[in-house]
Amino acid sequence: PYEDTPLESADQGPPLELSYLNDHFAEAKTKEALKILILQRFAKWLDDVLTEEKLFSVMDSLKPEIEYAYNMDRNLGNGKYHFEDEIEKLKKYISERLKFFRNNIDDFTQEGFLK
């Protein structure tokens, strides 16, 4: 049923201008096609952009700036939390989420939910 659902509905008047979308997404003629293109783009980002190597490199490069502010915050830098431990917890969480998305990207249905 989704394949036949146009992005523009006849009862909405003139077709929507899709120029605000980039060319990759603008080629989709139906909601179903757009969802597939979005999932394809996300899968590519998982492989090329959202890698642990790239994300952790940025995090590590920002550590000095973040640590200074962290230590200045009386609710964080007061010994209850330890900066390095929190960074490692965040990296572990990111790794787990990336692994989840990589392992489940093929299971996303057109509605965006897991089967």
C-alpha atoms as a PDB file:
ATOM      1  CA  PRO A   1       0.000   0.000   0.000  1.00  0.00           C
ATOM      2  CA  TYR A   2       2.871   2.432   0.687  1.00  0.00           C
ATOM      3  CA  GLU A   3       4.329   2.190  -2.816  1.00  0.00           C
ATOM      4  CA  ASP A   4       1.285   3.934  -4.215  1.00  0.00           C
ATOM      5  CA  THR A   5       1.181   6.731  -1.645  1.00  0.00           C
ATOM      6  CA  PRO A   6       2.500   9.842  -3.388  1.00  0.00           C
ATOM      7  CA  LEU A   7       4.357  12.505  -1.440  1.00  0.00           C
ATOM      8  CA  GLU A   8       1.827  14.973  -2.766  1.00  0.00           C
ATOM      9  CA  SER A   9      -1.824  14.225  -2.197  1.00  0.00           C
ATOM     10  CA  ALA A  10      -4.367  15.273  -4.803  1.00  0.00           C
ATOM     11  CA  ASP A  11      -6.536  16.913  -2.164  1.00  0.00           C
ATOM     12  CA  GLN A  12      -3.670  19.133  -0.970  1.00  0.00           C
ATOM     13  CA  GLY A  13      -3.732  21.365  -4.001  1.00  0.00           C
ATOM     14  CA  PRO A  14      -0.599  21.924  -6.084  1.00  0.00           C
ATOM     15  CA  PRO A  15       2.284  19.467  -5.630  1.00  0.00           C
ATOM     16  CA  LEU A  16       4.749  20.268  -2.884  1.00  0.00           C
ATOM     17  CA  GLU A  17       7.986  21.880  -3.965  1.00  0.00           C
ATOM     18  CA  LEU A  18      10.737  19.401  -3.105  1.00  0.00           C
ATOM     19  CA  SER A  19      13.639  21.723  -3.856  1.00  0.00           C
ATOM     20  CA  TYR A  20      14.448  21.985  -0.160  1.00  0.00           C
ATOM     21  CA  LEU A  21      15.412  18.301  -0.186  1.00  0.00           C
ATOM     22  CA  ASN A  22      18.749  17.287  -1.564  1.00  0.00           C
ATOM     23  CA  ASP A  23      18.790  15.591  -4.941  1.00  0.00           C
ATOM     24  CA  HIS A  24      19.172  12.137  -3.443  1.00  0.00           C
ATOM     25  CA  PHE A  25      15.919  12.387  -1.507  1.00  0.00           C
ATOM     26  CA  ALA A  26      14.067  14.460  -4.089  1.00  0.00           C
ATOM     27  CA  GLU A  27      14.132  11.550  -6.535  1.00  0.00           C
ATOM     28  CA  ALA A  28      11.712   9.623  -4.312  1.00  0.00           C
ATOM     29  CA  LYS A  29       8.210   9.761  -5.711  1.00  0.00           C
ATOM     30  CA  THR A  30       6.444   7.996  -2.850  1.00  0.00           C
ATOM     31  CA  LYS A  31       6.700   7.920   0.924  1.00  0.00           C
ATOM     32  CA  GLU A  32       7.870   4.319   0.708  1.00  0.00           C
ATOM     33  CA  ALA A  33      10.678   5.238  -1.664  1.00  0.00           C
ATOM     34  CA  LEU A  34      11.717   8.126   0.578  1.00  0.00           C
ATOM     35  CA  LYS A  35      11.872   5.846   3.619  1.00  0.00           C
ATOM     36  CA  ILE A  36      14.055   3.401   1.719  1.00  0.00           C
ATOM     37  CA  LEU A  37      16.392   6.189   0.614  1.00  0.00           C
ATOM     38  CA  ILE A  38      16.664   7.460   4.192  1.00  0.00           C
ATOM     39  CA  LEU A  39      17.539   3.973   5.456  1.00  0.00           C
ATOM     40  CA  GLN A  40      20.111   3.612   2.671  1.00  0.00           C
ATOM     41  CA  ARG A  41      21.671   6.950   3.603  1.00  0.00           C
ATOM     42  CA  PHE A  42      21.749   5.987   7.291  1.00  0.00           C
ATOM     43  CA  ALA A  43      23.409   2.656   6.457  1.00  0.00           C
ATOM     44  CA  LYS A  44      26.063   4.509   4.451  1.00  0.00           C
ATOM     45  CA  TRP A  45      26.634   6.933   7.344  1.00  0.00           C
ATOM     46  CA  LEU A  46      27.083   3.968   9.690  1.00  0.00           C
ATOM     47  CA  ASP A  47      29.874   2.702   7.450  1.00  0.00           C
ATOM     48  CA  ASP A  48      31.507   6.004   6.488  1.00  0.00           C
ATOM     49  CA  VAL A  49      30.715   8.719   9.037  1.00  0.00           C
ATOM     50  CA  LEU A  50      29.448   7.284  12.294  1.00  0.00           C
ATOM     51  CA  THR A  51      32.440   5.064  12.961  1.00  0.00           C
ATOM     52  CA  GLU A  52      33.975   4.590  16.374  1.00  0.00           C
ATOM     53  CA  GLU A  53      37.323   5.701  14.997  1.00  0.00           C
ATOM     54  CA  LYS A  54      35.959   9.027  13.766  1.00  0.00           C
ATOM     55  CA  LEU A  55      33.602   9.704  16.684  1.00  0.00           C
ATOM     56  CA  PHE A  56      36.120   8.769  19.361  1.00  0.00           C
ATOM     57  CA  SER A  57      38.813  10.837  17.662  1.00  0.00           C
ATOM     58  CA  VAL A  58      36.606  13.928  17.920  1.00  0.00           C
ATOM     59  CA  MET A  59      35.737  13.115  21.532  1.00  0.00           C
ATOM     60  CA  ASP A  60      39.391  12.653  22.445  1.00  0.00           C
ATOM     61  CA  SER A  61      40.389  15.902  20.758  1.00  0.00           C
ATOM     62  CA  LEU A  62      37.763  17.794  22.795  1.00  0.00           C
ATOM     63  CA  LYS A  63      38.666  16.183  26.132  1.00  0.00           C
ATOM     64  CA  PRO A  64      40.765  19.091  27.470  1.00  0.00           C
ATOM     65  CA  GLU A  65      38.012  21.632  26.828  1.00  0.00           C
ATOM     66  CA  ILE A  66      35.285  19.412  28.212  1.00  0.00           C
ATOM     67  CA  GLU A  67      37.330  18.350  31.232  1.00  0.00           C
ATOM     68  CA  TYR A  68      37.957  21.957  32.230  1.00  0.00           C
ATOM     69  CA  ALA A  69      34.222  22.736  32.182  1.00  0.00           C
ATOM     70  CA  TYR A  70      33.456  19.390  33.818  1.00  0.00           C
ATOM     71  CA  ASN A  71      35.766  20.147  36.726  1.00  0.00           C
ATOM     72  CA  MET A  72      34.305  23.636  37.117  1.00  0.00           C
ATOM     73  CA  ASP A  73      30.788  22.218  37.545  1.00  0.00           C
ATOM     74  CA  ARG A  74      30.267  21.608  41.259  1.00  0.00           C
ATOM     75  CA  ASN A  75      27.738  18.862  40.503  1.00  0.00           C
ATOM     76  CA  LEU A  76      30.077  16.872  38.270  1.00  0.00           C
ATOM     77  CA  GLY A  77      33.665  17.546  39.274  1.00  0.00           C
ATOM     78  CA  ASN A  78      33.078  17.045  42.989  1.00  0.00           C
ATOM     79  CA  GLY A  79      34.351  13.474  43.182  1.00  0.00           C
ATOM     80  CA  LYS A  80      30.974  11.817  42.682  1.00  0.00           C
ATOM     81  CA  TYR A  81      31.701  11.370  38.978  1.00  0.00           C
ATOM     82  CA  HIS A  82      35.093  10.803  37.384  1.00  0.00           C
ATOM     83  CA  PHE A  83      35.670  12.391  34.018  1.00  0.00           C
ATOM     84  CA  GLU A  84      37.649   9.546  32.429  1.00  0.00           C
ATOM     85  CA  ASP A  85      35.134   6.955  33.666  1.00  0.00           C
ATOM     86  CA  GLU A  86      32.257   8.952  32.204  1.00  0.00           C
ATOM     87  CA  ILE A  87      34.056   9.281  28.859  1.00  0.00           C
ATOM     88  CA  GLU A  88      34.603   5.508  28.770  1.00  0.00           C
ATOM     89  CA  LYS A  89      30.931   4.880  29.633  1.00  0.00           C
ATOM     90  CA  LEU A  90      29.889   7.201  26.810  1.00  0.00           C
ATOM     91  CA  LYS A  91      32.210   5.464  24.340  1.00  0.00           C
ATOM     92  CA  LYS A  92      30.851   2.071  25.403  1.00  0.00           C
ATOM     93  CA  TYR A  93      27.278   3.319  24.945  1.00  0.00           C
ATOM     94  CA  ILE A  94      28.101   4.698  21.494  1.00  0.00           C
ATOM     95  CA  SER A  95      29.752   1.410  20.500  1.00  0.00           C
ATOM     96  CA  GLU A  96      26.725  -0.563  21.646  1.00  0.00           C
ATOM     97  CA  ARG A  97      24.296   1.694  19.757  1.00  0.00           C
ATOM     98  CA  LEU A  98      26.368   1.551  16.568  1.00  0.00           C
ATOM     99  CA  LYS A  99      26.525  -2.229  16.854  1.00  0.00           C
ATOM    100  CA  PHE A 100      22.743  -2.362  17.370  1.00  0.00           C
ATOM    101  CA  PHE A 101      22.075  -0.236  14.291  1.00  0.00           C
ATOM    102  CA  ARG A 102      24.513  -2.205  12.138  1.00  0.00           C
ATOM    103  CA  ASN A 103      23.029  -5.514  13.269  1.00  0.00           C
ATOM    104  CA  ASN A 104      19.423  -4.393  12.793  1.00  0.00           C
ATOM    105  CA  ILE A 105      19.405  -1.978   9.856  1.00  0.00           C
ATOM    106  CA  ASP A 106      18.085  -4.697   7.540  1.00  0.00           C
ATOM    107  CA  ASP A 107      15.241  -5.448   9.949  1.00  0.00           C
ATOM    108  CA  PHE A 108      13.739  -1.971   9.815  1.00  0.00           C
ATOM    109  CA  THR A 109      10.394  -2.036   8.085  1.00  0.00           C
ATOM    110  CA  GLN A 110       9.105   0.705   5.863  1.00  0.00           C
ATOM    111  CA  GLU A 111       7.361   2.198   8.894  1.00  0.00           C
ATOM    112  CA  GLY A 112      10.705   2.556  10.674  1.00  0.00           C
ATOM    113  CA  PHE A 113      10.026  -0.036  13.359  1.00  0.00           C
ATOM    114  CA  LEU A 114      11.747  -3.339  13.913  1.00  0.00           C
ATOM    115  CA  LYS A 115       9.949  -6.388  12.585  1.00  0.00           C
END
